[in-house]
Amino acid sequence: MNQFFEELGGLWATEAEHRGAKIAAPTLDPRVALELLELARVAAHTRERRFAPLSCYMAGVAAERLRTAKPTVDDEVIAGFIQEVRQKLERAGPQDQDQ
């Protein structure tokens, strides 16, 4: 996607190796990145600003579980998966900030 994320992916792989695990450096598809940014925006504006990063983390966990359950899933499907959830949150509108 860009140099920062390429370097960050390498750091994740290196740190995993320091913990005795060899993983492929994670990459970020531009379509998935856009949907994650949109999810963060919706979470920040409809719930609480601090929920934005954790919402994206949960999206990543859900996407990986979808890939595990259905290995043929590609990045376009993952982007659509995130988009559908984001749109549901957006349609629900702002919630009480005390949650």
PDB file of N, CA and C in Angstrom:
ATOM      1  N   MET A   1       0.832  -1.183   0.000  1.00  0.00           N
ATOM      2  CA  MET A   1       0.000   0.000   0.000  1.00  0.00           C
ATOM      3  C   MET A   1       0.876   1.247   0.000  1.00  0.00           C
ATOM      4  N   ASN A   2       1.715   1.407   1.007  1.00  0.00           N
ATOM      5  CA  ASN A   2       2.739   2.445   0.976  1.00  0.00           C
ATOM      6  C   ASN A   2       3.909   1.997   1.839  1.00  0.00           C
ATOM      7  N   GLN A   3       4.977   2.748   1.816  1.00  0.00           N
ATOM      8  CA  GLN A   3       6.209   2.329   2.478  1.00  0.00           C
ATOM      9  C   GLN A   3       6.031   2.110   3.985  1.00  0.00           C
ATOM     10  N   PHE A   4       5.279   2.998   4.649  1.00  0.00           N
ATOM     11  CA  PHE A   4       5.072   2.835   6.090  1.00  0.00           C
ATOM     12  C   PHE A   4       4.463   1.469   6.398  1.00  0.00           C
ATOM     13  N   PHE A   5       3.420   1.104   5.679  1.00  0.00           N
ATOM     14  CA  PHE A   5       2.747  -0.165   5.958  1.00  0.00           C
ATOM     15  C   PHE A   5       3.587  -1.365   5.532  1.00  0.00           C
ATOM     16  N   GLU A   6       4.388  -1.213   4.500  1.00  0.00           N
ATOM     17  CA  GLU A   6       5.310  -2.289   4.122  1.00  0.00           C
ATOM     18  C   GLU A   6       6.344  -2.510   5.231  1.00  0.00           C
ATOM     19  N   GLU A   7       6.886  -1.411   5.763  1.00  0.00           N
ATOM     20  CA  GLU A   7       7.851  -1.524   6.862  1.00  0.00           C
ATOM     21  C   GLU A   7       7.193  -2.081   8.118  1.00  0.00           C
ATOM     22  N   LEU A   8       5.977  -1.644   8.396  1.00  0.00           N
ATOM     23  CA  LEU A   8       5.250  -2.140   9.569  1.00  0.00           C
ATOM     24  C   LEU A   8       5.002  -3.642   9.456  1.00  0.00           C
ATOM     25  N   GLY A   9       4.636  -4.100   8.264  1.00  0.00           N
ATOM     26  CA  GLY A   9       4.454  -5.538   8.056  1.00  0.00           C
ATOM     27  C   GLY A   9       5.730  -6.305   8.356  1.00  0.00           C
ATOM     28  N   GLY A  10       6.870  -5.761   7.912  1.00  0.00           N
ATOM     29  CA  GLY A  10       8.157  -6.389   8.206  1.00  0.00           C
ATOM     30  C   GLY A  10       8.456  -6.427   9.694  1.00  0.00           C
ATOM     31  N   LEU A  11       8.100  -5.379  10.392  1.00  0.00           N
ATOM     32  CA  LEU A  11       8.304  -5.357  11.851  1.00  0.00           C
ATOM     33  C   LEU A  11       7.485  -6.434  12.553  1.00  0.00           C
ATOM     34  N   TRP A  12       6.227  -6.620  12.108  1.00  0.00           N
ATOM     35  CA  TRP A  12       5.396  -7.677  12.714  1.00  0.00           C
ATOM     36  C   TRP A  12       6.032  -9.048  12.499  1.00  0.00           C
ATOM     37  N   ALA A  13       6.517  -9.281  11.301  1.00  0.00           N
ATOM     38  CA  ALA A  13       7.150 -10.574  10.993  1.00  0.00           C
ATOM     39  C   ALA A  13       8.411 -10.765  11.831  1.00  0.00           C
ATOM     40  N   THR A  14       9.214  -9.732  11.964  1.00  0.00           N
ATOM     41  CA  THR A  14      10.446  -9.807  12.759  1.00  0.00           C
ATOM     42  C   THR A  14      10.140 -10.074  14.226  1.00  0.00           C
ATOM     43  N   GLU A  15       9.183  -9.362  14.769  1.00  0.00           N
ATOM     44  CA  GLU A  15       8.840  -9.551  16.185  1.00  0.00           C
ATOM     45  C   GLU A  15       8.228 -10.923  16.436  1.00  0.00           C
ATOM     46  N   ALA A  16       7.471 -11.447  15.488  1.00  0.00           N
ATOM     47  CA  ALA A  16       6.945 -12.807  15.628  1.00  0.00           C
ATOM     48  C   ALA A  16       8.099 -13.803  15.658  1.00  0.00           C
ATOM     49  N   GLU A  17       9.092 -13.579  14.801  1.00  0.00           N
ATOM     50  CA  GLU A  17      10.257 -14.464  14.765  1.00  0.00           C
ATOM     51  C   GLU A  17      11.005 -14.431  16.096  1.00  0.00           C
ATOM     52  N   HIS A  18      11.085 -13.269  16.716  1.00  0.00           N
ATOM     53  CA  HIS A  18      11.717 -13.156  18.043  1.00  0.00           C
ATOM     54  C   HIS A  18      10.960 -13.967  19.093  1.00  0.00           C
ATOM     55  N   ARG A  19       9.726 -14.292  18.801  1.00  0.00           N
ATOM     56  CA  ARG A  19       8.898 -15.079  19.715  1.00  0.00           C
ATOM     57  C   ARG A  19       8.782 -16.529  19.261  1.00  0.00           C
ATOM     58  N   GLY A  20       9.629 -16.903  18.322  1.00  0.00           N
ATOM     59  CA  GLY A  20       9.694 -18.293  17.895  1.00  0.00           C
ATOM     60  C   GLY A  20       8.687 -18.687  16.832  1.00  0.00           C
ATOM     61  N   ALA A  21       8.087 -17.709  16.155  1.00  0.00           N
ATOM     62  CA  ALA A  21       7.096 -18.018  15.121  1.00  0.00           C
ATOM     63  C   ALA A  21       7.505 -17.339  13.823  1.00  0.00           C
ATOM     64  N   LYS A  22       7.399 -18.076  12.739  1.00  0.00           N
ATOM     65  CA  LYS A  22       7.683 -17.496  11.428  1.00  0.00           C
ATOM     66  C   LYS A  22       6.355 -17.199  10.751  1.00  0.00           C
ATOM     67  N   ILE A  23       6.113 -15.911  10.483  1.00  0.00           N
ATOM     68  CA  ILE A  23       4.885 -15.503   9.808  1.00  0.00           C
ATOM     69  C   ILE A  23       5.240 -14.691   8.567  1.00  0.00           C
ATOM     70  N   ALA A  24       4.354 -14.709   7.615  1.00  0.00           N
ATOM     71  CA  ALA A  24       4.517 -13.835   6.457  1.00  0.00           C
ATOM     72  C   ALA A  24       4.231 -12.404   6.908  1.00  0.00           C
ATOM     73  N   ALA A  25       4.984 -11.475   6.383  1.00  0.00           N
ATOM     74  CA  ALA A  25       4.738 -10.067   6.705  1.00  0.00           C
ATOM     75  C   ALA A  25       3.324  -9.694   6.266  1.00  0.00           C
ATOM     76  N   PRO A  26       2.514  -9.158   7.176  1.00  0.00           N
ATOM     77  CA  PRO A  26       1.166  -8.770   6.777  1.00  0.00           C
ATOM     78  C   PRO A  26       1.208  -7.635   5.760  1.00  0.00           C
ATOM     79  N   THR A  27       0.259  -7.663   4.853  1.00  0.00           N
ATOM     80  CA  THR A  27       0.131  -6.609   3.848  1.00  0.00           C
ATOM     81  C   THR A  27      -1.248  -5.975   3.987  1.00  0.00           C
ATOM     82  N   LEU A  28      -1.408  -4.835   3.379  1.00  0.00           N
ATOM     83  CA  LEU A  28      -2.675  -4.119   3.471  1.00  0.00           C
ATOM     84  C   LEU A  28      -3.152  -3.765   2.071  1.00  0.00           C
ATOM     85  N   ASP A  29      -4.223  -4.400   1.655  1.00  0.00           N
ATOM     86  CA  ASP A  29      -4.832  -4.117   0.356  1.00  0.00           C
ATOM     87  C   ASP A  29      -5.471  -2.726   0.407  1.00  0.00           C
ATOM     88  N   PRO A  30      -5.324  -1.917  -0.637  1.00  0.00           N
ATOM     89  CA  PRO A  30      -5.896  -0.567  -0.625  1.00  0.00           C
ATOM     90  C   PRO A  30      -7.406  -0.527  -0.395  1.00  0.00           C
ATOM     91  N   ARG A  31      -8.156  -1.495  -0.938  1.00  0.00           N
ATOM     92  CA  ARG A  31      -9.616  -1.519  -0.735  1.00  0.00           C
ATOM     93  C   ARG A  31      -9.948  -1.809   0.727  1.00  0.00           C
ATOM     94  N   VAL A  32      -9.208  -2.737   1.315  1.00  0.00           N
ATOM     95  CA  VAL A  32      -9.415  -3.063   2.727  1.00  0.00           C
ATOM     96  C   VAL A  32      -9.019  -1.867   3.584  1.00  0.00           C
ATOM     97  N   ALA A  33      -7.906  -1.218   3.250  1.00  0.00           N
ATOM     98  CA  ALA A  33      -7.456  -0.041   3.997  1.00  0.00           C
ATOM     99  C   ALA A  33      -8.531   1.045   3.992  1.00  0.00           C
ATOM    100  N   LEU A  34      -9.117   1.299   2.827  1.00  0.00           N
ATOM    101  CA  LEU A  34     -10.162   2.315   2.732  1.00  0.00           C
ATOM    102  C   LEU A  34     -11.341   1.963   3.627  1.00  0.00           C
ATOM    103  N   GLU A  35     -11.764   0.708   3.602  1.00  0.00           N
ATOM    104  CA  GLU A  35     -12.902   0.297   4.439  1.00  0.00           C
ATOM    105  C   GLU A  35     -12.566   0.381   5.929  1.00  0.00           C
ATOM    106  N   LEU A  36     -11.320   0.067   6.295  1.00  0.00           N
ATOM    107  CA  LEU A  36     -10.926   0.192   7.699  1.00  0.00           C
ATOM    108  C   LEU A  36     -10.940   1.650   8.142  1.00  0.00           C
ATOM    109  N   LEU A  37     -10.476   2.538   7.280  1.00  0.00           N
ATOM    110  CA  LEU A  37     -10.519   3.969   7.614  1.00  0.00           C
ATOM    111  C   LEU A  37     -11.954   4.455   7.759  1.00  0.00           C
ATOM    112  N   GLU A  38     -12.831   3.992   6.885  1.00  0.00           N
ATOM    113  CA  GLU A  38     -14.246   4.358   6.979  1.00  0.00           C
ATOM    114  C   GLU A  38     -14.873   3.786   8.253  1.00  0.00           C
ATOM    115  N   LEU A  39     -14.519   2.556   8.595  1.00  0.00           N
ATOM    116  CA  LEU A  39     -15.012   1.949   9.833  1.00  0.00           C
ATOM    117  C   LEU A  39     -14.558   2.764  11.036  1.00  0.00           C
ATOM    118  N   ALA A  40     -13.300   3.163  11.050  1.00  0.00           N
ATOM    119  CA  ALA A  40     -12.779   3.979  12.157  1.00  0.00           C
ATOM    120  C   ALA A  40     -13.545   5.298  12.259  1.00  0.00           C
ATOM    121  N   ARG A  41     -13.815   5.923  11.117  1.00  0.00           N
ATOM    122  CA  ARG A  41     -14.563   7.183  11.109  1.00  0.00           C
ATOM    123  C   ARG A  41     -15.961   6.994  11.702  1.00  0.00           C
ATOM    124  N   VAL A  42     -16.650   5.948  11.258  1.00  0.00           N
ATOM    125  CA  VAL A  42     -18.011   5.702  11.741  1.00  0.00           C
ATOM    126  C   VAL A  42     -18.005   5.376  13.230  1.00  0.00           C
ATOM    127  N   ALA A  43     -17.080   4.546  13.657  1.00  0.00           N
ATOM    128  CA  ALA A  43     -17.001   4.204  15.085  1.00  0.00           C
ATOM    129  C   ALA A  43     -16.740   5.456  15.922  1.00  0.00           C
ATOM    130  N   ALA A  44     -15.849   6.311  15.447  1.00  0.00           N
ATOM    131  CA  ALA A  44     -15.506   7.525  16.190  1.00  0.00           C
ATOM    132  C   ALA A  44     -16.675   8.504  16.257  1.00  0.00           C
ATOM    133  N   HIS A  45     -17.473   8.575  15.198  1.00  0.00           N
ATOM    134  CA  HIS A  45     -18.561   9.549  15.156  1.00  0.00           C
ATOM    135  C   HIS A  45     -19.895   9.029  15.655  1.00  0.00           C
ATOM    136  N   THR A  46     -20.100   7.729  15.624  1.00  0.00           N
ATOM    137  CA  THR A  46     -21.398   7.200  16.073  1.00  0.00           C
ATOM    138  C   THR A  46     -21.327   6.593  17.465  1.00  0.00           C
ATOM    139  N   ARG A  47     -20.139   6.276  17.929  1.00  0.00           N
ATOM    140  CA  ARG A  47     -19.975   5.717  19.275  1.00  0.00           C
ATOM    141  C   ARG A  47     -19.044   6.616  20.071  1.00  0.00           C
ATOM    142  N   GLU A  48     -17.803   6.208  20.198  1.00  0.00           N
ATOM    143  CA  GLU A  48     -16.789   6.992  20.899  1.00  0.00           C
ATOM    144  C   GLU A  48     -15.530   7.015  20.068  1.00  0.00           C
ATOM    145  N   ARG A  49     -14.847   8.145  20.067  1.00  0.00           N
ATOM    146  CA  ARG A  49     -13.625   8.291  19.279  1.00  0.00           C
ATOM    147  C   ARG A  49     -12.623   7.193  19.626  1.00  0.00           C
ATOM    148  N   ARG A  50     -12.501   6.863  20.882  1.00  0.00           N
ATOM    149  CA  ARG A  50     -11.501   5.864  21.282  1.00  0.00           C
ATOM    150  C   ARG A  50     -11.862   4.443  20.844  1.00  0.00           C
ATOM    151  N   PHE A  51     -13.082   4.236  20.372  1.00  0.00           N
ATOM    152  CA  PHE A  51     -13.472   2.918  19.870  1.00  0.00           C
ATOM    153  C   PHE A  51     -12.944   2.647  18.459  1.00  0.00           C
ATOM    154  N   ALA A  52     -12.505   3.676  17.755  1.00  0.00           N
ATOM    155  CA  ALA A  52     -12.089   3.535  16.358  1.00  0.00           C
ATOM    156  C   ALA A  52     -10.978   2.501  16.172  1.00  0.00           C
ATOM    157  N   PRO A  53      -9.859   2.586  16.913  1.00  0.00           N
ATOM    158  CA  PRO A  53      -8.802   1.592  16.674  1.00  0.00           C
ATOM    159  C   PRO A  53      -9.214   0.170  17.043  1.00  0.00           C
ATOM    160  N   LEU A  54      -9.974   0.022  18.114  1.00  0.00           N
ATOM    161  CA  LEU A  54     -10.400  -1.321  18.516  1.00  0.00           C
ATOM    162  C   LEU A  54     -11.416  -1.896  17.535  1.00  0.00           C
ATOM    163  N   SER A  55     -12.228  -1.040  16.925  1.00  0.00           N
ATOM    164  CA  SER A  55     -13.156  -1.495  15.886  1.00  0.00           C
ATOM    165  C   SER A  55     -12.381  -2.071  14.711  1.00  0.00           C
ATOM    166  N   CYS A  56     -11.287  -1.411  14.341  1.00  0.00           N
ATOM    167  CA  CYS A  56     -10.460  -1.896  13.233  1.00  0.00           C
ATOM    168  C   CYS A  56      -9.741  -3.186  13.612  1.00  0.00           C
ATOM    169  N   TYR A  57      -9.311  -3.283  14.850  1.00  0.00           N
ATOM    170  CA  TYR A  57      -8.692  -4.526  15.312  1.00  0.00           C
ATOM    171  C   TYR A  57      -9.698  -5.672  15.201  1.00  0.00           C
ATOM    172  N   MET A  58     -10.923  -5.430  15.679  1.00  0.00           N
ATOM    173  CA  MET A  58     -11.951  -6.472  15.600  1.00  0.00           C
ATOM    174  C   MET A  58     -12.250  -6.843  14.157  1.00  0.00           C
ATOM    175  N   ALA A  59     -12.242  -5.856  13.253  1.00  0.00           N
ATOM    176  CA  ALA A  59     -12.455  -6.142  11.831  1.00  0.00           C
ATOM    177  C   ALA A  59     -11.361  -7.064  11.315  1.00  0.00           C
ATOM    178  N   GLY A  60     -10.124  -6.832  11.739  1.00  0.00           N
ATOM    179  CA  GLY A  60      -9.016  -7.683  11.323  1.00  0.00           C
ATOM    180  C   GLY A  60      -9.166  -9.109  11.832  1.00  0.00           C
ATOM    181  N   VAL A  61      -9.567  -9.237  13.087  1.00  0.00           N
ATOM    182  CA  VAL A  61      -9.787 -10.568  13.660  1.00  0.00           C
ATOM    183  C   VAL A  61     -10.916 -11.276  12.904  1.00  0.00           C
ATOM    184  N   ALA A  62     -12.014 -10.557  12.671  1.00  0.00           N
ATOM    185  CA  ALA A  62     -13.150 -11.154  11.954  1.00  0.00           C
ATOM    186  C   ALA A  62     -12.749 -11.547  10.531  1.00  0.00           C
ATOM    187  N   ALA A  63     -11.983 -10.694   9.867  1.00  0.00           N
ATOM    188  CA  ALA A  63     -11.545 -10.993   8.498  1.00  0.00           C
ATOM    189  C   ALA A  63     -10.673 -12.243   8.478  1.00  0.00           C
ATOM    190  N   GLU A  64      -9.782 -12.372   9.423  1.00  0.00           N
ATOM    191  CA  GLU A  64      -8.912 -13.552   9.459  1.00  0.00           C
ATOM    192  C   GLU A  64      -9.724 -14.815   9.766  1.00  0.00           C
ATOM    193  N   ARG A  65     -10.722 -14.688  10.622  1.00  0.00           N
ATOM    194  CA  ARG A  65     -11.587 -15.846  10.903  1.00  0.00           C
ATOM    195  C   ARG A  65     -12.407 -16.232   9.677  1.00  0.00           C
ATOM    196  N   LEU A  66     -12.855 -15.237   8.914  1.00  0.00           N
ATOM    197  CA  LEU A  66     -13.563 -15.528   7.671  1.00  0.00           C
ATOM    198  C   LEU A  66     -12.636 -16.240   6.694  1.00  0.00           C
ATOM    199  N   ARG A  67     -11.397 -15.780   6.573  1.00  0.00           N
ATOM    200  CA  ARG A  67     -10.417 -16.425   5.687  1.00  0.00           C
ATOM    201  C   ARG A  67     -10.134 -17.865   6.130  1.00  0.00           C
ATOM    202  N   THR A  68     -10.070 -18.095   7.430  1.00  0.00           N
ATOM    203  CA  THR A  68      -9.820 -19.444   7.945  1.00  0.00           C
ATOM    204  C   THR A  68     -11.005 -20.360   7.625  1.00  0.00           C
ATOM    205  N   ALA A  69     -12.215 -19.823   7.804  1.00  0.00           N
ATOM    206  CA  ALA A  69     -13.417 -20.624   7.556  1.00  0.00           C
ATOM    207  C   ALA A  69     -13.650 -20.853   6.067  1.00  0.00           C
ATOM    208  N   LYS A  70     -13.202 -19.897   5.255  1.00  0.00           N
ATOM    209  CA  LYS A  70     -13.456 -19.961   3.817  1.00  0.00           C
ATOM    210  C   LYS A  70     -12.187 -19.494   3.088  1.00  0.00           C
ATOM    211  N   PRO A  71     -11.210 -20.377   2.907  1.00  0.00           N
ATOM    212  CA  PRO A  71      -9.897 -19.992   2.376  1.00  0.00           C
ATOM    213  C   PRO A  71      -9.906 -19.341   0.994  1.00  0.00           C
ATOM    214  N   THR A  72     -10.969 -19.467   0.241  1.00  0.00           N
ATOM    215  CA  THR A  72     -11.007 -18.863  -1.095  1.00  0.00           C
ATOM    216  C   THR A  72     -11.340 -17.369  -1.072  1.00  0.00           C
ATOM    217  N   VAL A  73     -11.637 -16.829   0.090  1.00  0.00           N
ATOM    218  CA  VAL A  73     -11.986 -15.412   0.221  1.00  0.00           C
ATOM    219  C   VAL A  73     -10.780 -14.554  -0.159  1.00  0.00           C
ATOM    220  N   ASP A  74     -11.037 -13.529  -0.988  1.00  0.00           N
ATOM    221  CA  ASP A  74      -9.955 -12.627  -1.386  1.00  0.00           C
ATOM    222  C   ASP A  74     -10.167 -11.242  -0.753  1.00  0.00           C
ATOM    223  N   ASP A  75      -9.242 -10.319  -1.049  1.00  0.00           N
ATOM    224  CA  ASP A  75      -9.296  -8.987  -0.432  1.00  0.00           C
ATOM    225  C   ASP A  75     -10.541  -8.207  -0.820  1.00  0.00           C
ATOM    226  N   GLU A  76     -11.047  -8.419  -2.021  1.00  0.00           N
ATOM    227  CA  GLU A  76     -12.279  -7.727  -2.435  1.00  0.00           C
ATOM    228  C   GLU A  76     -13.455  -8.160  -1.557  1.00  0.00           C
ATOM    229  N   VAL A  77     -13.527  -9.446  -1.258  1.00  0.00           N
ATOM    230  CA  VAL A  77     -14.587  -9.957  -0.383  1.00  0.00           C
ATOM    231  C   VAL A  77     -14.407  -9.412   1.035  1.00  0.00           C
ATOM    232  N   ILE A  78     -13.168  -9.362   1.502  1.00  0.00           N
ATOM    233  CA  ILE A  78     -12.899  -8.827   2.846  1.00  0.00           C
ATOM    234  C   ILE A  78     -13.315  -7.360   2.918  1.00  0.00           C
ATOM    235  N   ALA A  79     -12.988  -6.573   1.897  1.00  0.00           N
ATOM    236  CA  ALA A  79     -13.390  -5.161   1.874  1.00  0.00           C
ATOM    237  C   ALA A  79     -14.911  -5.039   1.941  1.00  0.00           C
ATOM    238  N   GLY A  80     -15.623  -5.868   1.185  1.00  0.00           N
ATOM    239  CA  GLY A  80     -17.085  -5.856   1.214  1.00  0.00           C
ATOM    240  C   GLY A  80     -17.643  -6.278   2.567  1.00  0.00           C
ATOM    241  N   PHE A  81     -16.998  -7.241   3.198  1.00  0.00           N
ATOM    242  CA  PHE A  81     -17.374  -7.729   4.531  1.00  0.00           C
ATOM    243  C   PHE A  81     -17.307  -6.578   5.536  1.00  0.00           C
ATOM    244  N   ILE A  82     -16.197  -5.854   5.524  1.00  0.00           N
ATOM    245  CA  ILE A  82     -16.015  -4.719   6.437  1.00  0.00           C
ATOM    246  C   ILE A  82     -17.014  -3.614   6.103  1.00  0.00           C
ATOM    247  N   GLN A  83     -17.203  -3.365   4.814  1.00  0.00           N
ATOM    248  CA  GLN A  83     -18.138  -2.321   4.378  1.00  0.00           C
ATOM    249  C   GLN A  83     -19.552  -2.596   4.875  1.00  0.00           C
ATOM    250  N   GLU A  84     -20.013  -3.833   4.786  1.00  0.00           N
ATOM    251  CA  GLU A  84     -21.368  -4.170   5.225  1.00  0.00           C
ATOM    252  C   GLU A  84     -21.571  -3.886   6.707  1.00  0.00           C
ATOM    253  N   VAL A  85     -20.595  -4.263   7.517  1.00  0.00           N
ATOM    254  CA  VAL A  85     -20.709  -4.005   8.958  1.00  0.00           C
ATOM    255  C   VAL A  85     -20.670  -2.506   9.226  1.00  0.00           C
ATOM    256  N   ARG A  86     -19.755  -1.807   8.548  1.00  0.00           N
ATOM    257  CA  ARG A  86     -19.643  -0.354   8.728  1.00  0.00           C
ATOM    258  C   ARG A  86     -20.940   0.345   8.366  1.00  0.00           C
ATOM    259  N   GLN A  87     -21.558  -0.066   7.270  1.00  0.00           N
ATOM    260  CA  GLN A  87     -22.813   0.559   6.847  1.00  0.00           C
ATOM    261  C   GLN A  87     -23.926   0.318   7.851  1.00  0.00           C
ATOM    262  N   LYS A  88     -23.953  -0.858   8.458  1.00  0.00           N
ATOM    263  CA  LYS A  88     -24.964  -1.135   9.488  1.00  0.00           C
ATOM    264  C   LYS A  88     -24.760  -0.230  10.693  1.00  0.00           C
ATOM    265  N   LEU A  89     -23.511  -0.039  11.103  1.00  0.00           N
ATOM    266  CA  LEU A  89     -23.224   0.877  12.212  1.00  0.00           C
ATOM    267  C   LEU A  89     -23.636   2.299  11.854  1.00  0.00           C
ATOM    268  N   GLU A  90     -23.327   2.688  10.636  1.00  0.00           N
ATOM    269  CA  GLU A  90     -23.633   4.041  10.176  1.00  0.00           C
ATOM    270  C   GLU A  90     -25.140   4.276  10.155  1.00  0.00           C
ATOM    271  N   ARG A  91     -25.899   3.302   9.668  1.00  0.00           N
ATOM    272  CA  ARG A  91     -27.357   3.429   9.622  1.00  0.00           C
ATOM    273  C   ARG A  91     -27.957   3.498  11.024  1.00  0.00           C
ATOM    274  N   ALA A  92     -27.345   2.803  11.977  1.00  0.00           N
ATOM    275  CA  ALA A  92     -27.845   2.813  13.346  1.00  0.00           C
ATOM    276  C   ALA A  92     -27.696   4.204  13.967  1.00  0.00           C
ATOM    277  N   GLY A  93     -26.749   4.982  13.479  1.00  0.00           N
ATOM    278  CA  GLY A  93     -26.571   6.350  13.954  1.00  0.00           C
ATOM    279  C   GLY A  93     -25.870   6.429  15.289  1.00  0.00           C
ATOM    280  N   PRO A  94     -25.721   7.657  15.781  1.00  0.00           N
ATOM    281  CA  PRO A  94     -25.017   7.882  17.058  1.00  0.00           C
ATOM    282  C   PRO A  94     -25.704   7.173  18.218  1.00  0.00           C
ATOM    283  N   GLN A  95     -24.879   6.652  19.092  1.00  0.00           N
ATOM    284  CA  GLN A  95     -25.358   5.981  20.288  1.00  0.00           C
ATOM    285  C   GLN A  95     -24.956   6.801  21.508  1.00  0.00           C
ATOM    286  N   ASP A  96     -25.524   6.476  22.637  1.00  0.00           N
ATOM    287  CA  ASP A  96     -25.184   7.127  23.895  1.00  0.00           C
ATOM    288  C   ASP A  96     -23.686   6.984  24.149  1.00  0.00           C
ATOM    289  N   GLN A  97     -23.010   8.062  24.402  1.00  0.00           N
ATOM    290  CA  GLN A  97     -21.561   8.075  24.598  1.00  0.00           C
ATOM    291  C   GLN A  97     -21.129   7.480  25.944  1.00  0.00           C
ATOM    292  N   ASP A  98     -22.063   7.150  26.823  1.00  0.00           N
ATOM    293  CA  ASP A  98     -21.721   6.604  28.140  1.00  0.00           C
ATOM    294  C   ASP A  98     -21.552   5.100  28.129  1.00  0.00           C
ATOM    295  N   GLN A  99     -21.626   4.454  26.984  1.00  0.00           N
ATOM    296  CA  GLN A  99     -21.535   2.985  26.912  1.00  0.00           C
ATOM    297  C   GLN A  99     -20.142   2.515  27.180  1.00  0.00           C
TER     298      GLN A  99
END
